[in-house]
N, C-alpha and C. Protein backbone atom coordinates (compact mmCIF):
# COMPACT_ATOMS: atom_id res chain seq x y z
N UNK A 1 0.83 -1.16 0.00
CA UNK A 1 0.00 0.00 0.00
C UNK A 1 0.89 1.24 0.00
N UNK A 2 0.56 2.16 -0.84
CA UNK A 2 1.37 3.37 -0.96
C UNK A 2 0.95 4.40 0.07
N UNK A 3 1.92 5.10 0.59
CA UNK A 3 1.61 6.19 1.50
C UNK A 3 2.05 7.49 0.85
N UNK A 4 1.41 8.56 1.22
CA UNK A 4 1.67 9.84 0.54
C UNK A 4 3.05 10.40 0.84
N UNK A 5 3.44 10.47 2.00
CA UNK A 5 4.72 11.10 2.27
C UNK A 5 5.61 10.28 3.15
N UNK A 6 5.16 9.14 3.52
CA UNK A 6 5.91 8.37 4.50
C UNK A 6 6.76 7.28 3.89
N UNK A 7 6.88 6.25 4.66
CA UNK A 7 7.75 5.13 4.32
C UNK A 7 7.19 4.36 3.13
N UNK A 8 8.05 4.02 2.20
CA UNK A 8 7.68 3.20 1.04
C UNK A 8 8.30 1.83 1.24
N UNK A 9 7.51 0.78 1.12
CA UNK A 9 8.06 -0.57 1.29
C UNK A 9 9.12 -0.86 0.23
N UNK A 10 10.13 -1.60 0.63
CA UNK A 10 11.25 -1.89 -0.26
C UNK A 10 10.77 -2.76 -1.43
N UNK A 11 11.18 -2.38 -2.63
CA UNK A 11 10.81 -3.15 -3.82
C UNK A 11 9.51 -2.70 -4.46
N UNK A 12 8.83 -1.74 -3.88
CA UNK A 12 7.57 -1.30 -4.48
C UNK A 12 7.73 -0.11 -5.41
N UNK A 13 8.94 0.38 -5.56
CA UNK A 13 9.16 1.51 -6.46
C UNK A 13 9.43 1.08 -7.89
N UNK A 14 9.47 -0.21 -8.16
CA UNK A 14 9.67 -0.70 -9.52
C UNK A 14 11.12 -0.96 -9.88
N UNK A 15 12.04 -0.65 -8.99
CA UNK A 15 13.45 -0.82 -9.31
C UNK A 15 13.88 -2.28 -9.33
N UNK A 16 13.12 -3.16 -8.71
CA UNK A 16 13.49 -4.57 -8.71
C UNK A 16 12.96 -5.31 -9.93
N UNK A 17 12.27 -4.62 -10.80
CA UNK A 17 11.68 -5.28 -11.97
C UNK A 17 12.35 -4.84 -13.28
N UNK A 18 13.60 -4.43 -13.21
CA UNK A 18 14.29 -3.97 -14.43
C UNK A 18 14.41 -5.07 -15.46
N UNK A 19 14.58 -6.31 -15.00
CA UNK A 19 14.75 -7.42 -15.93
C UNK A 19 13.46 -7.74 -16.67
N UNK A 20 12.33 -7.39 -16.09
CA UNK A 20 11.05 -7.68 -16.74
C UNK A 20 10.67 -6.61 -17.76
N UNK A 21 11.28 -5.46 -17.64
CA UNK A 21 10.90 -4.36 -18.51
C UNK A 21 11.78 -4.25 -19.75
N UNK A 22 12.72 -5.13 -19.90
CA UNK A 22 13.54 -5.09 -21.11
C UNK A 22 12.86 -5.91 -22.20
N UNK A 23 13.13 -5.53 -23.43
CA UNK A 23 12.52 -6.19 -24.58
C UNK A 23 13.38 -7.40 -24.94
N UNK A 24 12.73 -8.50 -25.25
CA UNK A 24 13.45 -9.72 -25.60
C UNK A 24 14.28 -9.49 -26.86
N UNK A 25 15.41 -10.20 -26.95
CA UNK A 25 16.36 -9.96 -28.04
C UNK A 25 15.76 -10.23 -29.40
N UNK A 26 14.89 -11.25 -29.53
CA UNK A 26 14.36 -11.57 -30.86
C UNK A 26 13.45 -10.46 -31.39
N UNK A 27 12.79 -9.74 -30.49
CA UNK A 27 11.94 -8.63 -30.93
C UNK A 27 12.78 -7.43 -31.34
N UNK A 28 13.87 -7.19 -30.61
CA UNK A 28 14.78 -6.11 -31.00
C UNK A 28 15.40 -6.40 -32.36
N UNK A 29 15.92 -7.62 -32.50
CA UNK A 29 16.55 -8.02 -33.76
C UNK A 29 15.55 -7.95 -34.90
N UNK A 30 14.33 -8.39 -34.63
CA UNK A 30 13.31 -8.40 -35.68
C UNK A 30 12.99 -6.99 -36.15
N UNK A 31 12.80 -6.08 -35.22
CA UNK A 31 12.43 -4.72 -35.65
C UNK A 31 13.58 -4.02 -36.37
N UNK A 32 14.80 -4.22 -35.91
CA UNK A 32 15.95 -3.59 -36.56
C UNK A 32 16.14 -4.15 -37.97
N UNK A 33 16.10 -5.47 -38.11
CA UNK A 33 16.36 -6.07 -39.41
C UNK A 33 15.18 -5.95 -40.36
N UNK A 34 13.98 -5.78 -39.84
CA UNK A 34 12.85 -5.48 -40.74
C UNK A 34 13.07 -4.15 -41.43
N UNK A 35 13.50 -3.16 -40.66
CA UNK A 35 13.77 -1.84 -41.25
C UNK A 35 14.91 -1.92 -42.26
N UNK A 36 15.94 -2.67 -41.92
CA UNK A 36 17.07 -2.81 -42.85
C UNK A 36 16.66 -3.53 -44.12
N UNK A 37 15.86 -4.60 -43.97
CA UNK A 37 15.40 -5.34 -45.14
C UNK A 37 14.51 -4.47 -46.02
N UNK A 38 13.63 -3.70 -45.40
CA UNK A 38 12.76 -2.82 -46.18
C UNK A 38 13.57 -1.77 -46.94
N UNK A 39 14.62 -1.26 -46.32
CA UNK A 39 15.47 -0.29 -47.02
C UNK A 39 16.19 -0.94 -48.19
N UNK A 40 16.71 -2.15 -47.98
CA UNK A 40 17.39 -2.86 -49.08
C UNK A 40 16.41 -3.17 -50.21
N UNK A 41 15.19 -3.54 -49.86
CA UNK A 41 14.18 -3.82 -50.89
C UNK A 41 13.77 -2.54 -51.61
N UNK A 42 13.71 -1.43 -50.89
CA UNK A 42 13.41 -0.15 -51.53
C UNK A 42 14.51 0.22 -52.53
N UNK A 43 15.77 0.01 -52.14
CA UNK A 43 16.87 0.29 -53.06
C UNK A 43 16.82 -0.63 -54.28
N UNK A 44 16.43 -1.88 -54.06
CA UNK A 44 16.30 -2.82 -55.18
C UNK A 44 15.18 -2.39 -56.12
N UNK A 45 14.09 -1.90 -55.56
CA UNK A 45 12.99 -1.43 -56.41
C UNK A 45 13.40 -0.19 -57.20
N UNK A 46 14.22 0.68 -56.60
CA UNK A 46 14.70 1.85 -57.33
C UNK A 46 15.64 1.43 -58.47
N UNK A 47 16.51 0.47 -58.20
CA UNK A 47 17.36 -0.06 -59.27
C UNK A 47 16.52 -0.72 -60.36
N UNK A 48 15.46 -1.40 -59.94
CA UNK A 48 14.57 -2.04 -60.90
C UNK A 48 13.86 -1.03 -61.77
N UNK A 49 13.50 0.11 -61.18
CA UNK A 49 12.87 1.17 -61.97
C UNK A 49 13.84 1.69 -63.02
N UNK A 50 15.10 1.88 -62.64
CA UNK A 50 16.11 2.31 -63.62
C UNK A 50 16.31 1.27 -64.71
N UNK A 51 16.32 -0.01 -64.32
CA UNK A 51 16.48 -1.07 -65.31
C UNK A 51 15.27 -1.14 -66.24
N UNK A 52 14.09 -0.91 -65.68
CA UNK A 52 12.88 -0.91 -66.51
C UNK A 52 12.93 0.22 -67.53
N UNK A 53 13.41 1.40 -67.11
CA UNK A 53 13.57 2.50 -68.06
C UNK A 53 14.60 2.15 -69.14
N UNK A 54 15.65 1.45 -68.74
CA UNK A 54 16.67 1.06 -69.71
C UNK A 54 16.14 0.02 -70.69
N UNK A 55 15.26 -0.88 -70.22
CA UNK A 55 14.72 -1.94 -71.07
C UNK A 55 13.47 -1.52 -71.84
N UNK A 56 12.94 -0.35 -71.55
CA UNK A 56 11.70 0.09 -72.18
C UNK A 56 11.75 0.10 -73.70
N UNK A 57 12.83 0.57 -74.34
CA UNK A 57 12.85 0.48 -75.81
C UNK A 57 12.77 -0.95 -76.33
N UNK A 58 13.43 -1.87 -75.66
CA UNK A 58 13.38 -3.27 -76.08
C UNK A 58 12.01 -3.89 -75.84
N UNK A 59 11.37 -3.53 -74.73
CA UNK A 59 10.04 -4.07 -74.42
C UNK A 59 9.01 -3.54 -75.40
N UNK A 60 9.05 -2.25 -75.69
CA UNK A 60 8.09 -1.69 -76.64
C UNK A 60 8.33 -2.24 -78.04
N UNK A 61 9.59 -2.46 -78.39
CA UNK A 61 9.90 -3.04 -79.70
C UNK A 61 9.41 -4.48 -79.81
N UNK A 62 9.44 -5.21 -78.70
CA UNK A 62 8.96 -6.60 -78.72
C UNK A 62 7.47 -6.67 -78.96
N UNK A 63 6.74 -5.65 -78.52
CA UNK A 63 5.29 -5.62 -78.73
C UNK A 63 4.90 -4.91 -80.02
N UNK A 64 5.88 -4.48 -80.80
CA UNK A 64 5.60 -3.84 -82.08
C UNK A 64 5.25 -2.37 -81.96
N UNK A 65 5.49 -1.78 -80.82
CA UNK A 65 5.23 -0.35 -80.63
C UNK A 65 6.51 0.43 -80.89
N UNK A 66 6.38 1.56 -81.51
CA UNK A 66 7.54 2.42 -81.72
C UNK A 66 7.27 3.76 -81.06
N UNK A 67 8.12 4.10 -80.14
CA UNK A 67 8.04 5.38 -79.46
C UNK A 67 9.28 6.16 -79.88
N UNK A 68 9.04 7.29 -80.54
CA UNK A 68 10.14 8.06 -81.13
C UNK A 68 11.10 8.56 -80.06
N UNK A 69 10.59 9.00 -78.93
CA UNK A 69 11.47 9.54 -77.89
C UNK A 69 12.37 8.44 -77.30
N UNK A 70 11.89 7.19 -77.30
CA UNK A 70 12.74 6.10 -76.82
C UNK A 70 13.81 5.72 -77.84
N UNK A 71 13.51 5.88 -79.11
CA UNK A 71 14.49 5.55 -80.15
C UNK A 71 15.67 6.53 -80.12
N UNK A 72 15.41 7.77 -79.70
CA UNK A 72 16.47 8.77 -79.67
C UNK A 72 17.53 8.48 -78.60
N UNK A 73 17.19 7.63 -77.63
CA UNK A 73 18.16 7.32 -76.58
C UNK A 73 19.34 6.51 -77.11
N UNK A 74 19.12 5.75 -78.17
CA UNK A 74 20.17 4.96 -78.81
C UNK A 74 20.90 4.06 -77.80
N UNK A 75 20.11 3.23 -77.13
CA UNK A 75 20.66 2.29 -76.15
C UNK A 75 20.98 0.96 -76.83
N UNK A 76 21.97 0.24 -76.32
CA UNK A 76 22.26 -1.09 -76.88
C UNK A 76 21.09 -2.05 -76.63
N UNK A 77 21.04 -3.10 -77.41
CA UNK A 77 19.97 -4.08 -77.26
C UNK A 77 20.05 -4.71 -75.87
N UNK A 78 18.89 -4.99 -75.28
CA UNK A 78 18.89 -5.61 -73.95
C UNK A 78 19.51 -7.00 -73.97
N UNK A 79 20.19 -7.31 -72.93
CA UNK A 79 20.80 -8.63 -72.78
C UNK A 79 19.81 -9.55 -72.05
N UNK A 80 19.92 -10.86 -72.25
CA UNK A 80 18.97 -11.78 -71.60
C UNK A 80 19.01 -11.73 -70.08
N UNK A 81 20.17 -11.51 -69.49
CA UNK A 81 20.25 -11.48 -68.03
C UNK A 81 19.51 -10.27 -67.46
N UNK A 82 19.37 -9.20 -68.25
CA UNK A 82 18.65 -8.03 -67.76
C UNK A 82 17.17 -8.34 -67.60
N UNK A 83 16.61 -9.06 -68.57
CA UNK A 83 15.20 -9.46 -68.44
C UNK A 83 15.01 -10.41 -67.27
N UNK A 84 15.94 -11.35 -67.10
CA UNK A 84 15.82 -12.30 -65.99
C UNK A 84 15.94 -11.57 -64.65
N UNK A 85 16.81 -10.57 -64.58
CA UNK A 85 16.97 -9.83 -63.33
C UNK A 85 15.71 -9.04 -63.01
N UNK A 86 15.01 -8.59 -64.03
CA UNK A 86 13.81 -7.79 -63.81
C UNK A 86 12.74 -8.57 -63.05
N UNK A 87 12.76 -9.89 -63.16
CA UNK A 87 11.80 -10.73 -62.42
C UNK A 87 12.05 -10.63 -60.92
N UNK A 88 13.26 -10.28 -60.53
CA UNK A 88 13.56 -10.18 -59.10
C UNK A 88 12.79 -9.05 -58.43
N UNK A 89 12.20 -8.16 -59.20
CA UNK A 89 11.36 -7.12 -58.60
C UNK A 89 10.10 -7.72 -58.00
N UNK A 90 9.55 -8.74 -58.65
CA UNK A 90 8.40 -9.43 -58.07
C UNK A 90 8.79 -10.14 -56.78
N UNK A 91 9.99 -10.68 -56.76
CA UNK A 91 10.50 -11.33 -55.56
C UNK A 91 10.68 -10.31 -54.44
N UNK A 92 11.11 -9.10 -54.78
CA UNK A 92 11.26 -8.05 -53.77
C UNK A 92 9.91 -7.68 -53.16
N UNK A 93 8.87 -7.68 -53.97
CA UNK A 93 7.53 -7.40 -53.44
C UNK A 93 7.11 -8.51 -52.48
N UNK A 94 7.44 -9.76 -52.80
CA UNK A 94 7.14 -10.87 -51.89
C UNK A 94 7.89 -10.68 -50.57
N UNK A 95 9.14 -10.26 -50.64
CA UNK A 95 9.90 -9.99 -49.42
C UNK A 95 9.30 -8.87 -48.61
N UNK A 96 8.83 -7.84 -49.28
CA UNK A 96 8.20 -6.71 -48.59
C UNK A 96 6.92 -7.17 -47.89
N UNK A 97 6.16 -8.04 -48.55
CA UNK A 97 4.90 -8.52 -47.99
C UNK A 97 5.11 -9.46 -46.80
N UNK A 98 6.29 -10.04 -46.68
CA UNK A 98 6.53 -10.98 -45.58
C UNK A 98 6.76 -10.29 -44.25
N UNK A 99 7.12 -9.02 -44.25
CA UNK A 99 7.53 -8.36 -43.01
C UNK A 99 6.39 -7.97 -42.07
N UNK A 100 5.23 -7.49 -42.51
CA UNK A 100 4.25 -7.03 -41.52
C UNK A 100 3.77 -8.10 -40.54
N UNK A 101 3.51 -9.31 -41.01
CA UNK A 101 3.01 -10.36 -40.12
C UNK A 101 4.06 -11.41 -39.79
N UNK A 102 5.33 -11.13 -40.02
CA UNK A 102 6.41 -12.08 -39.77
C UNK A 102 6.16 -13.41 -40.47
N UNK A 103 5.81 -13.35 -41.74
CA UNK A 103 5.47 -14.54 -42.51
C UNK A 103 6.76 -15.21 -42.99
N UNK A 104 7.15 -16.26 -42.29
CA UNK A 104 8.42 -16.92 -42.63
C UNK A 104 8.33 -17.69 -43.94
N UNK A 105 7.14 -18.17 -44.32
CA UNK A 105 6.99 -18.87 -45.60
C UNK A 105 7.30 -17.92 -46.76
N UNK A 106 6.73 -16.72 -46.73
CA UNK A 106 7.01 -15.75 -47.79
C UNK A 106 8.47 -15.32 -47.78
N UNK A 107 9.05 -15.23 -46.59
CA UNK A 107 10.45 -14.83 -46.51
C UNK A 107 11.36 -15.91 -47.10
N UNK A 108 11.01 -17.18 -46.90
CA UNK A 108 11.79 -18.26 -47.53
C UNK A 108 11.65 -18.21 -49.05
N UNK A 109 10.44 -17.91 -49.53
CA UNK A 109 10.24 -17.76 -50.97
C UNK A 109 11.06 -16.59 -51.51
N UNK A 110 11.14 -15.53 -50.73
CA UNK A 110 11.94 -14.38 -51.12
C UNK A 110 13.42 -14.76 -51.23
N UNK A 111 13.92 -15.53 -50.27
CA UNK A 111 15.33 -15.94 -50.30
C UNK A 111 15.60 -16.79 -51.54
N UNK A 112 14.75 -17.75 -51.80
CA UNK A 112 14.92 -18.61 -52.97
C UNK A 112 14.84 -17.80 -54.26
N UNK A 113 13.85 -16.91 -54.35
CA UNK A 113 13.70 -16.09 -55.55
C UNK A 113 14.85 -15.13 -55.76
N UNK A 114 15.41 -14.61 -54.67
CA UNK A 114 16.55 -13.71 -54.79
C UNK A 114 17.77 -14.43 -55.34
N UNK A 115 17.97 -15.66 -54.89
CA UNK A 115 19.11 -16.43 -55.40
C UNK A 115 18.90 -16.75 -56.88
N UNK A 116 17.68 -17.19 -57.24
CA UNK A 116 17.43 -17.63 -58.61
C UNK A 116 17.31 -16.46 -59.58
N UNK A 117 16.52 -15.44 -59.21
CA UNK A 117 16.24 -14.34 -60.14
C UNK A 117 17.05 -13.08 -59.87
N UNK A 118 17.77 -13.02 -58.77
CA UNK A 118 18.57 -11.84 -58.47
C UNK A 118 20.05 -12.07 -58.66
N UNK A 119 20.58 -13.06 -57.96
CA UNK A 119 22.02 -13.28 -57.97
C UNK A 119 22.46 -14.06 -59.21
N UNK A 120 21.71 -15.08 -59.59
CA UNK A 120 22.11 -15.89 -60.76
C UNK A 120 22.18 -15.07 -62.05
N UNK A 121 21.20 -14.20 -62.37
CA UNK A 121 21.35 -13.38 -63.58
C UNK A 121 22.54 -12.41 -63.52
N UNK A 122 22.85 -11.93 -62.33
CA UNK A 122 24.00 -11.02 -62.21
C UNK A 122 25.30 -11.78 -62.47
N UNK A 123 25.41 -12.98 -61.91
CA UNK A 123 26.61 -13.79 -62.18
C UNK A 123 26.70 -14.14 -63.65
N UNK A 124 25.56 -14.46 -64.27
CA UNK A 124 25.56 -14.72 -65.71
C UNK A 124 25.95 -13.45 -66.48
N UNK A 125 25.50 -12.29 -66.00
CA UNK A 125 25.87 -11.03 -66.64
C UNK A 125 27.36 -10.76 -66.57
N UNK A 126 27.98 -11.06 -65.42
CA UNK A 126 29.44 -10.93 -65.33
C UNK A 126 30.13 -11.87 -66.30
N UNK A 127 29.62 -13.09 -66.40
CA UNK A 127 30.20 -14.05 -67.34
C UNK A 127 30.00 -13.58 -68.78
N UNK A 128 28.83 -13.01 -69.07
CA UNK A 128 28.51 -12.52 -70.41
C UNK A 128 29.39 -11.33 -70.80
N UNK A 129 29.70 -10.48 -69.86
CA UNK A 129 30.48 -9.26 -70.14
C UNK A 129 31.97 -9.42 -69.86
N UNK A 130 32.41 -10.63 -69.57
CA UNK A 130 33.80 -10.85 -69.18
C UNK A 130 34.78 -10.32 -70.23
N UNK A 131 34.54 -10.63 -71.49
CA UNK A 131 35.46 -10.19 -72.55
C UNK A 131 35.43 -8.67 -72.70
N UNK A 132 34.25 -8.07 -72.61
CA UNK A 132 34.15 -6.62 -72.72
C UNK A 132 34.84 -5.92 -71.56
N UNK A 133 34.71 -6.47 -70.36
CA UNK A 133 35.36 -5.87 -69.19
C UNK A 133 36.87 -5.94 -69.33
N UNK A 134 37.38 -7.10 -69.72
CA UNK A 134 38.83 -7.26 -69.89
C UNK A 134 39.34 -6.36 -71.00
N UNK A 135 38.59 -6.26 -72.10
CA UNK A 135 38.99 -5.40 -73.22
C UNK A 135 39.02 -3.94 -72.79
N UNK A 136 38.06 -3.53 -71.98
CA UNK A 136 38.04 -2.13 -71.55
C UNK A 136 39.18 -1.86 -70.56
N UNK A 137 39.45 -2.78 -69.66
CA UNK A 137 40.51 -2.56 -68.68
C UNK A 137 41.88 -2.52 -69.35
N UNK A 138 42.13 -3.41 -70.30
CA UNK A 138 43.45 -3.49 -70.92
C UNK A 138 43.67 -2.43 -71.99
N UNK A 139 42.69 -2.26 -72.88
CA UNK A 139 42.91 -1.40 -74.05
C UNK A 139 42.01 -0.16 -74.10
N UNK A 140 41.12 -0.01 -73.14
CA UNK A 140 40.14 1.09 -73.13
C UNK A 140 39.25 1.06 -74.37
N UNK A 141 38.99 -0.13 -74.89
CA UNK A 141 38.10 -0.29 -76.04
C UNK A 141 36.74 -0.75 -75.54
N UNK A 142 35.69 -0.20 -76.13
CA UNK A 142 34.35 -0.62 -75.75
C UNK A 142 33.47 -0.66 -76.99
N UNK A 143 32.46 -1.51 -76.95
CA UNK A 143 31.59 -1.74 -78.10
C UNK A 143 30.39 -0.81 -78.09
N UNK A 144 29.74 -0.68 -76.94
CA UNK A 144 28.51 0.11 -76.83
C UNK A 144 28.73 1.31 -75.93
N UNK A 145 27.86 2.28 -76.14
CA UNK A 145 27.90 3.49 -75.34
C UNK A 145 26.49 3.81 -74.87
N UNK A 146 26.36 4.19 -73.59
CA UNK A 146 25.07 4.60 -73.04
C UNK A 146 25.25 5.94 -72.34
N UNK A 147 24.49 6.91 -72.73
CA UNK A 147 24.48 8.24 -72.12
C UNK A 147 25.88 8.86 -72.07
N UNK A 148 26.68 8.59 -73.07
CA UNK A 148 28.01 9.17 -73.16
C UNK A 148 29.09 8.41 -72.41
N UNK A 149 28.75 7.31 -71.79
CA UNK A 149 29.71 6.49 -71.05
C UNK A 149 29.80 5.11 -71.69
N UNK A 150 30.92 4.44 -71.52
CA UNK A 150 31.00 3.06 -72.02
C UNK A 150 29.96 2.19 -71.31
N UNK A 151 29.21 1.43 -72.09
CA UNK A 151 28.13 0.61 -71.53
C UNK A 151 28.67 -0.44 -70.57
N UNK A 152 29.87 -0.92 -70.82
CA UNK A 152 30.42 -1.95 -69.95
C UNK A 152 30.65 -1.41 -68.54
N UNK A 153 31.00 -0.13 -68.42
CA UNK A 153 31.16 0.47 -67.09
C UNK A 153 29.83 0.59 -66.37
N UNK A 154 28.80 1.04 -67.08
CA UNK A 154 27.48 1.17 -66.46
C UNK A 154 26.90 -0.18 -66.09
N UNK A 155 27.07 -1.17 -66.96
CA UNK A 155 26.58 -2.51 -66.64
C UNK A 155 27.32 -3.07 -65.42
N UNK A 156 28.64 -2.89 -65.39
CA UNK A 156 29.42 -3.41 -64.26
C UNK A 156 29.03 -2.72 -62.96
N UNK A 157 28.86 -1.41 -62.99
CA UNK A 157 28.45 -0.68 -61.79
C UNK A 157 27.08 -1.15 -61.32
N UNK A 158 26.16 -1.32 -62.26
CA UNK A 158 24.83 -1.81 -61.90
C UNK A 158 24.91 -3.19 -61.26
N UNK A 159 25.70 -4.07 -61.85
CA UNK A 159 25.78 -5.43 -61.33
C UNK A 159 26.43 -5.48 -59.95
N UNK A 160 27.45 -4.66 -59.73
CA UNK A 160 28.11 -4.65 -58.42
C UNK A 160 27.17 -4.11 -57.35
N UNK A 161 26.49 -3.00 -57.64
CA UNK A 161 25.55 -2.42 -56.68
C UNK A 161 24.40 -3.38 -56.41
N UNK A 162 23.87 -3.95 -57.47
CA UNK A 162 22.75 -4.88 -57.32
C UNK A 162 23.16 -6.13 -56.54
N UNK A 163 24.34 -6.64 -56.79
CA UNK A 163 24.82 -7.81 -56.06
C UNK A 163 24.96 -7.50 -54.57
N UNK A 164 25.47 -6.32 -54.25
CA UNK A 164 25.59 -5.93 -52.84
C UNK A 164 24.23 -5.84 -52.18
N UNK A 165 23.27 -5.25 -52.86
CA UNK A 165 21.93 -5.12 -52.28
C UNK A 165 21.31 -6.49 -52.07
N UNK A 166 21.48 -7.39 -53.03
CA UNK A 166 20.93 -8.74 -52.88
C UNK A 166 21.58 -9.49 -51.72
N UNK A 167 22.89 -9.36 -51.58
CA UNK A 167 23.58 -10.05 -50.49
C UNK A 167 23.13 -9.50 -49.14
N UNK A 168 23.00 -8.18 -49.04
CA UNK A 168 22.51 -7.59 -47.79
C UNK A 168 21.09 -8.04 -47.48
N UNK A 169 20.23 -8.06 -48.48
CA UNK A 169 18.85 -8.48 -48.23
C UNK A 169 18.78 -9.96 -47.85
N UNK A 170 19.65 -10.79 -48.42
CA UNK A 170 19.70 -12.19 -48.00
C UNK A 170 20.18 -12.32 -46.56
N UNK A 171 21.15 -11.53 -46.17
CA UNK A 171 21.63 -11.57 -44.79
C UNK A 171 20.53 -11.13 -43.82
N UNK A 172 19.89 -10.00 -44.12
CA UNK A 172 18.85 -9.51 -43.22
C UNK A 172 17.69 -10.49 -43.13
N UNK A 173 17.33 -11.11 -44.24
CA UNK A 173 16.21 -12.06 -44.20
C UNK A 173 16.59 -13.33 -43.45
N UNK A 174 17.84 -13.77 -43.53
CA UNK A 174 18.23 -14.95 -42.76
C UNK A 174 18.24 -14.65 -41.26
N UNK A 175 18.65 -13.45 -40.88
CA UNK A 175 18.59 -13.05 -39.47
C UNK A 175 17.13 -12.99 -39.01
N UNK A 176 16.25 -12.47 -39.86
CA UNK A 176 14.83 -12.42 -39.52
C UNK A 176 14.24 -13.82 -39.37
N UNK A 177 14.61 -14.73 -40.24
CA UNK A 177 14.12 -16.11 -40.12
C UNK A 177 14.55 -16.72 -38.79
N UNK A 178 15.77 -16.45 -38.39
CA UNK A 178 16.25 -16.97 -37.11
C UNK A 178 15.49 -16.33 -35.95
N UNK A 179 15.20 -15.04 -36.04
CA UNK A 179 14.47 -14.36 -34.96
C UNK A 179 13.01 -14.78 -34.91
N UNK A 180 12.44 -15.12 -36.06
CA UNK A 180 11.03 -15.50 -36.10
C UNK A 180 10.79 -16.97 -35.78
N UNK A 181 11.86 -17.75 -35.65
CA UNK A 181 11.71 -19.17 -35.38
C UNK A 181 11.05 -19.36 -34.02
N UNK A 182 10.06 -20.25 -33.92
CA UNK A 182 9.39 -20.45 -32.64
C UNK A 182 10.36 -20.97 -31.57
N UNK A 183 10.19 -20.48 -30.36
CA UNK A 183 11.03 -20.87 -29.23
C UNK A 183 10.22 -21.78 -28.30
N UNK A 184 10.91 -22.41 -27.42
CA UNK A 184 10.24 -23.22 -26.42
C UNK A 184 10.83 -24.61 -26.36
N UNK A 185 10.34 -25.40 -25.41
CA UNK A 185 10.88 -26.76 -25.28
C UNK A 185 10.49 -27.63 -26.46
N UNK A 186 11.40 -28.48 -26.86
CA UNK A 186 11.11 -29.40 -27.95
C UNK A 186 10.27 -30.55 -27.41
N UNK A 187 9.11 -30.71 -27.98
CA UNK A 187 8.22 -31.78 -27.55
C UNK A 187 8.45 -32.98 -28.44
N UNK A 188 8.80 -34.09 -27.83
CA UNK A 188 9.03 -35.30 -28.60
C UNK A 188 7.71 -36.04 -28.76
N UNK A 189 7.57 -36.64 -29.92
CA UNK A 189 6.34 -37.37 -30.20
C UNK A 189 6.31 -38.68 -29.41
N UNK A 190 5.17 -38.97 -28.85
CA UNK A 190 5.00 -40.20 -28.10
C UNK A 190 4.53 -41.27 -29.07
N UNK A 191 5.19 -42.43 -29.05
CA UNK A 191 4.82 -43.49 -29.99
C UNK A 191 3.96 -44.50 -29.33
């Protein structure tokens, strides 16, 4: 019982309950890494928007549409790995959707999709551009030009940045999966 100005019983001021008022580690980790994963996914969507703008002349040409303003850009033909990488934007949306309710199934699908549609096309792109990269480094020769710069430099920069974002998002999602894993005693099945 509290008294107005007199003696207060020991332990009734709340100082003995400090251990109960701290937040469990999995909730701290979850909230921090959710924010980090959302930022990485936002950056991936921004890169995807730039890639979509770059592929727009090829996409409109595939459908038989001709847009004069897109033809003036004079971009090189799209490479197959660029189209495959564009699918990773759908995977990023799946990753974004997994965070509000801690949906580990969607997060696992995001991890698998990121490896298949995010990292694999980038590695194929490095393999595809290997000769152009070596030619540019040794002789400063390049085949295509985009926006006044050698296309091999822009492709390489895009692939390096995109690979970093994918690796970070895979790391954050694996930490989230670990934090979202159910805790408690393991119950063995009775036979």
